[in-house]
Amino acid sequence: MAHFKQNRLYVYAFWGALFFERSIWINYLQHQGYSTVQIGFLQTLLTLAMFYL
């Protein structure tokens, strides 16, 4: 069962890397005054939330 979850993670990571809106989101947040560290922390939280659900 753990092997299945790992493969699912790889598939999601592959397709997630193709989404270009993340670069737009990062540029938007930078123009709003967020630092790179803050953006990285927010992206980490969002990614963890996606995997948790």
PDB file of N, CA and C in Angstrom:
ATOM      1  N   MET A   1       0.822  -1.200   0.000  1.00  0.00           N
ATOM      2  CA  MET A   1       0.000   0.000   0.000  1.00  0.00           C
ATOM      3  C   MET A   1       0.860   1.255   0.000  1.00  0.00           C
ATOM      4  N   ALA A   2       1.978   1.251   0.738  1.00  0.00           N
ATOM      5  CA  ALA A   2       2.855   2.418   0.782  1.00  0.00           C
ATOM      6  C   ALA A   2       3.462   2.691  -0.587  1.00  0.00           C
ATOM      7  N   HIS A   3       3.726   1.641  -1.343  1.00  0.00           N
ATOM      8  CA  HIS A   3       4.281   1.798  -2.688  1.00  0.00           C
ATOM      9  C   HIS A   3       3.287   2.525  -3.597  1.00  0.00           C
ATOM     10  N   PHE A   4       2.001   2.210  -3.450  1.00  0.00           N
ATOM     11  CA  PHE A   4       0.957   2.869  -4.237  1.00  0.00           C
ATOM     12  C   PHE A   4       0.903   4.364  -3.924  1.00  0.00           C
ATOM     13  N   LYS A   5       0.996   4.717  -2.644  1.00  0.00           N
ATOM     14  CA  LYS A   5       0.954   6.131  -2.254  1.00  0.00           C
ATOM     15  C   LYS A   5       2.167   6.882  -2.778  1.00  0.00           C
ATOM     16  N   GLN A   6       3.321   6.214  -2.787  1.00  0.00           N
ATOM     17  CA  GLN A   6       4.529   6.854  -3.299  1.00  0.00           C
ATOM     18  C   GLN A   6       4.401   7.109  -4.801  1.00  0.00           C
ATOM     19  N   ASN A   7       3.866   6.142  -5.549  1.00  0.00           N
ATOM     20  CA  ASN A   7       3.668   6.338  -6.981  1.00  0.00           C
ATOM     21  C   ASN A   7       2.666   7.453  -7.242  1.00  0.00           C
ATOM     22  N   ARG A   8       1.634   7.517  -6.428  1.00  0.00           N
ATOM     23  CA  ARG A   8       0.637   8.581  -6.573  1.00  0.00           C
ATOM     24  C   ARG A   8       1.276   9.948  -6.346  1.00  0.00           C
ATOM     25  N   LEU A   9       2.179  10.018  -5.382  1.00  0.00           N
ATOM     26  CA  LEU A   9       2.891  11.261  -5.110  1.00  0.00           C
ATOM     27  C   LEU A   9       3.739  11.678  -6.311  1.00  0.00           C
ATOM     28  N   TYR A  10       4.435  10.728  -6.930  1.00  0.00           N
ATOM     29  CA  TYR A  10       5.252  11.031  -8.107  1.00  0.00           C
ATOM     30  C   TYR A  10       4.403  11.533  -9.269  1.00  0.00           C
ATOM     31  N   VAL A  11       3.263  10.916  -9.476  1.00  0.00           N
ATOM     32  CA  VAL A  11       2.376  11.342 -10.568  1.00  0.00           C
ATOM     33  C   VAL A  11       1.875  12.756 -10.309  1.00  0.00           C
ATOM     34  N   TYR A  12       1.463  13.030  -9.064  1.00  0.00           N
ATOM     35  CA  TYR A  12       0.983  14.368  -8.734  1.00  0.00           C
ATOM     36  C   TYR A  12       2.092  15.401  -8.880  1.00  0.00           C
ATOM     37  N   ALA A  13       3.285  15.054  -8.439  1.00  0.00           N
ATOM     38  CA  ALA A  13       4.408  15.993  -8.539  1.00  0.00           C
ATOM     39  C   ALA A  13       4.732  16.295  -9.996  1.00  0.00           C
ATOM     40  N   PHE A  14       4.651  15.283 -10.846  1.00  0.00           N
ATOM     41  CA  PHE A  14       4.917  15.498 -12.274  1.00  0.00           C
ATOM     42  C   PHE A  14       3.912  16.475 -12.868  1.00  0.00           C
ATOM     43  N   TRP A  15       2.629  16.247 -12.646  1.00  0.00           N
ATOM     44  CA  TRP A  15       1.615  17.123 -13.203  1.00  0.00           C
ATOM     45  C   TRP A  15       1.624  18.492 -12.542  1.00  0.00           C
ATOM     46  N   GLY A  16       1.944  18.540 -11.253  1.00  0.00           N
ATOM     47  CA  GLY A  16       2.011  19.815 -10.540  1.00  0.00           C
ATOM     48  C   GLY A  16       3.116  20.708 -11.069  1.00  0.00           C
ATOM     49  N   ALA A  17       4.204  20.092 -11.539  1.00  0.00           N
ATOM     50  CA  ALA A  17       5.320  20.869 -12.072  1.00  0.00           C
ATOM     51  C   ALA A  17       4.962  21.528 -13.392  1.00  0.00           C
ATOM     52  N   LEU A  18       3.941  21.048 -14.065  1.00  0.00           N
ATOM     53  CA  LEU A  18       3.548  21.606 -15.355  1.00  0.00           C
ATOM     54  C   LEU A  18       2.644  22.830 -15.237  1.00  0.00           C
ATOM     55  N   PHE A  19       2.106  23.067 -14.062  1.00  0.00           N
ATOM     56  CA  PHE A  19       1.192  24.189 -13.886  1.00  0.00           C
ATOM     57  C   PHE A  19       1.979  25.494 -13.782  1.00  0.00           C
ATOM     58  N   PHE A  20       1.688  26.413 -14.662  1.00  0.00           N
ATOM     59  CA  PHE A  20       2.437  27.663 -14.741  1.00  0.00           C
ATOM     60  C   PHE A  20       1.866  28.755 -13.852  1.00  0.00           C
ATOM     61  N   GLU A  21       0.686  28.547 -13.297  1.00  0.00           N
ATOM     62  CA  GLU A  21       0.078  29.619 -12.499  1.00  0.00           C
ATOM     63  C   GLU A  21       0.838  29.871 -11.209  1.00  0.00           C
ATOM     64  N   ARG A  22       1.662  28.915 -10.802  1.00  0.00           N
ATOM     65  CA  ARG A  22       2.457  29.137  -9.590  1.00  0.00           C
ATOM     66  C   ARG A  22       3.439  30.288  -9.789  1.00  0.00           C
ATOM     67  N   SER A  23       4.015  30.387 -10.964  1.00  0.00           N
ATOM     68  CA  SER A  23       4.941  31.497 -11.214  1.00  0.00           C
ATOM     69  C   SER A  23       4.189  32.824 -11.232  1.00  0.00           C
ATOM     70  N   ILE A  24       2.986  32.822 -11.747  1.00  0.00           N
ATOM     71  CA  ILE A  24       2.165  34.039 -11.738  1.00  0.00           C
ATOM     72  C   ILE A  24       1.805  34.401 -10.297  1.00  0.00           C
ATOM     73  N   TRP A  25       1.442  33.390  -9.509  1.00  0.00           N
ATOM     74  CA  TRP A  25       1.097  33.607  -8.099  1.00  0.00           C
ATOM     75  C   TRP A  25       2.271  34.195  -7.327  1.00  0.00           C
ATOM     76  N   ILE A  26       3.466  33.673  -7.572  1.00  0.00           N
ATOM     77  CA  ILE A  26       4.658  34.162  -6.883  1.00  0.00           C
ATOM     78  C   ILE A  26       4.943  35.611  -7.274  1.00  0.00           C
ATOM     79  N   ASN A  27       4.834  35.923  -8.555  1.00  0.00           N
ATOM     80  CA  ASN A  27       5.041  37.310  -8.995  1.00  0.00           C
ATOM     81  C   ASN A  27       4.007  38.252  -8.384  1.00  0.00           C
ATOM     82  N   TYR A  28       2.764  37.799  -8.316  1.00  0.00           N
ATOM     83  CA  TYR A  28       1.711  38.617  -7.715  1.00  0.00           C
ATOM     84  C   TYR A  28       2.032  38.909  -6.245  1.00  0.00           C
ATOM     85  N   LEU A  29       2.427  37.863  -5.506  1.00  0.00           N
ATOM     86  CA  LEU A  29       2.729  38.064  -4.085  1.00  0.00           C
ATOM     87  C   LEU A  29       3.937  38.967  -3.891  1.00  0.00           C
ATOM     88  N   GLN A  30       4.937  38.863  -4.771  1.00  0.00           N
ATOM     89  CA  GLN A  30       6.095  39.747  -4.662  1.00  0.00           C
ATOM     90  C   GLN A  30       5.699  41.197  -4.893  1.00  0.00           C
ATOM     91  N   HIS A  31       4.808  41.434  -5.834  1.00  0.00           N
ATOM     92  CA  HIS A  31       4.355  42.803  -6.086  1.00  0.00           C
ATOM     93  C   HIS A  31       3.471  43.330  -4.961  1.00  0.00           C
ATOM     94  N   GLN A  32       2.893  42.416  -4.173  1.00  0.00           N
ATOM     95  CA  GLN A  32       2.098  42.827  -3.021  1.00  0.00           C
ATOM     96  C   GLN A  32       2.968  43.112  -1.795  1.00  0.00           C
ATOM     97  N   GLY A  33       4.280  42.839  -1.906  1.00  0.00           N
ATOM     98  CA  GLY A  33       5.189  43.175  -0.826  1.00  0.00           C
ATOM     99  C   GLY A  33       5.637  42.014   0.042  1.00  0.00           C
ATOM    100  N   TYR A  34       5.282  40.795  -0.319  1.00  0.00           N
ATOM    101  CA  TYR A  34       5.717  39.633   0.456  1.00  0.00           C
ATOM    102  C   TYR A  34       7.164  39.307   0.129  1.00  0.00           C
ATOM    103  N   SER A  35       7.910  38.852   1.135  1.00  0.00           N
ATOM    104  CA  SER A  35       9.297  38.472   0.914  1.00  0.00           C
ATOM    105  C   SER A  35       9.347  37.050   0.344  1.00  0.00           C
ATOM    106  N   THR A  36      10.514  36.679  -0.144  1.00  0.00           N
ATOM    107  CA  THR A  36      10.691  35.345  -0.717  1.00  0.00           C
ATOM    108  C   THR A  36      10.491  34.269   0.344  1.00  0.00           C
ATOM    109  N   VAL A  37      10.929  34.537   1.562  1.00  0.00           N
ATOM    110  CA  VAL A  37      10.758  33.586   2.658  1.00  0.00           C
ATOM    111  C   VAL A  37       9.278  33.407   2.989  1.00  0.00           C
ATOM    112  N   GLN A  38       8.540  34.492   3.019  1.00  0.00           N
ATOM    113  CA  GLN A  38       7.108  34.414   3.299  1.00  0.00           C
ATOM    114  C   GLN A  38       6.376  33.646   2.199  1.00  0.00           C
ATOM    115  N   ILE A  39       6.736  33.893   0.964  1.00  0.00           N
ATOM    116  CA  ILE A  39       6.112  33.188  -0.158  1.00  0.00           C
ATOM    117  C   ILE A  39       6.438  31.698  -0.085  1.00  0.00           C
ATOM    118  N   GLY A  40       7.686  31.379   0.230  1.00  0.00           N
ATOM    119  CA  GLY A  40       8.073  29.980   0.363  1.00  0.00           C
ATOM    120  C   GLY A  40       7.308  29.280   1.470  1.00  0.00           C
ATOM    121  N   PHE A  41       7.134  29.956   2.593  1.00  0.00           N
ATOM    122  CA  PHE A  41       6.370  29.387   3.698  1.00  0.00           C
ATOM    123  C   PHE A  41       4.918  29.171   3.304  1.00  0.00           C
ATOM    124  N   LEU A  42       4.321  30.136   2.623  1.00  0.00           N
ATOM    125  CA  LEU A  42       2.945  30.006   2.173  1.00  0.00           C
ATOM    126  C   LEU A  42       2.801  28.848   1.182  1.00  0.00           C
ATOM    127  N   GLN A  43       3.728  28.729   0.245  1.00  0.00           N
ATOM    128  CA  GLN A  43       3.688  27.632  -0.722  1.00  0.00           C
ATOM    129  C   GLN A  43       3.834  26.283  -0.026  1.00  0.00           C
ATOM    130  N   THR A  44       4.662  26.234   1.007  1.00  0.00           N
ATOM    131  CA  THR A  44       4.820  24.995   1.764  1.00  0.00           C
ATOM    132  C   THR A  44       3.504  24.613   2.436  1.00  0.00           C
ATOM    133  N   LEU A  45       2.848  25.573   3.041  1.00  0.00           N
ATOM    134  CA  LEU A  45       1.564  25.308   3.684  1.00  0.00           C
ATOM    135  C   LEU A  45       0.515  24.848   2.676  1.00  0.00           C
ATOM    136  N   LEU A  46       0.479  25.494   1.528  1.00  0.00           N
ATOM    137  CA  LEU A  46      -0.494  25.105   0.505  1.00  0.00           C
ATOM    138  C   LEU A  46      -0.225  23.706  -0.018  1.00  0.00           C
ATOM    139  N   THR A  47       1.034  23.369  -0.226  1.00  0.00           N
ATOM    140  CA  THR A  47       1.382  22.039  -0.715  1.00  0.00           C
ATOM    141  C   THR A  47       1.039  20.974   0.322  1.00  0.00           C
ATOM    142  N   LEU A  48       1.354  21.234   1.585  1.00  0.00           N
ATOM    143  CA  LEU A  48       1.001  20.289   2.636  1.00  0.00           C
ATOM    144  C   LEU A  48      -0.523  20.108   2.736  1.00  0.00           C
ATOM    145  N   ALA A  49      -1.256  21.174   2.583  1.00  0.00           N
ATOM    146  CA  ALA A  49      -2.715  21.084   2.626  1.00  0.00           C
ATOM    147  C   ALA A  49      -3.244  20.248   1.476  1.00  0.00           C
ATOM    148  N   MET A  50      -2.644  20.371   0.298  1.00  0.00           N
ATOM    149  CA  MET A  50      -3.100  19.557  -0.836  1.00  0.00           C
ATOM    150  C   MET A  50      -2.830  18.082  -0.607  1.00  0.00           C
ATOM    151  N   PHE A  51      -1.705  17.753  -0.005  1.00  0.00           N
ATOM    152  CA  PHE A  51      -1.381  16.350   0.232  1.00  0.00           C
ATOM    153  C   PHE A  51      -2.169  15.782   1.405  1.00  0.00           C
ATOM    154  N   TYR A  52      -2.533  16.623   2.333  1.00  0.00           N
ATOM    155  CA  TYR A  52      -3.291  16.174   3.486  1.00  0.00           C
ATOM    156  C   TYR A  52      -4.721  15.802   3.082  1.00  0.00           C
ATOM    157  N   LEU A  53      -5.283  16.567   2.168  1.00  0.00           N
ATOM    158  CA  LEU A  53      -6.652  16.318   1.744  1.00  0.00           C
ATOM    159  C   LEU A  53      -6.630  15.175   0.789  1.00  0.00           C
TER     160      LEU A  53
END
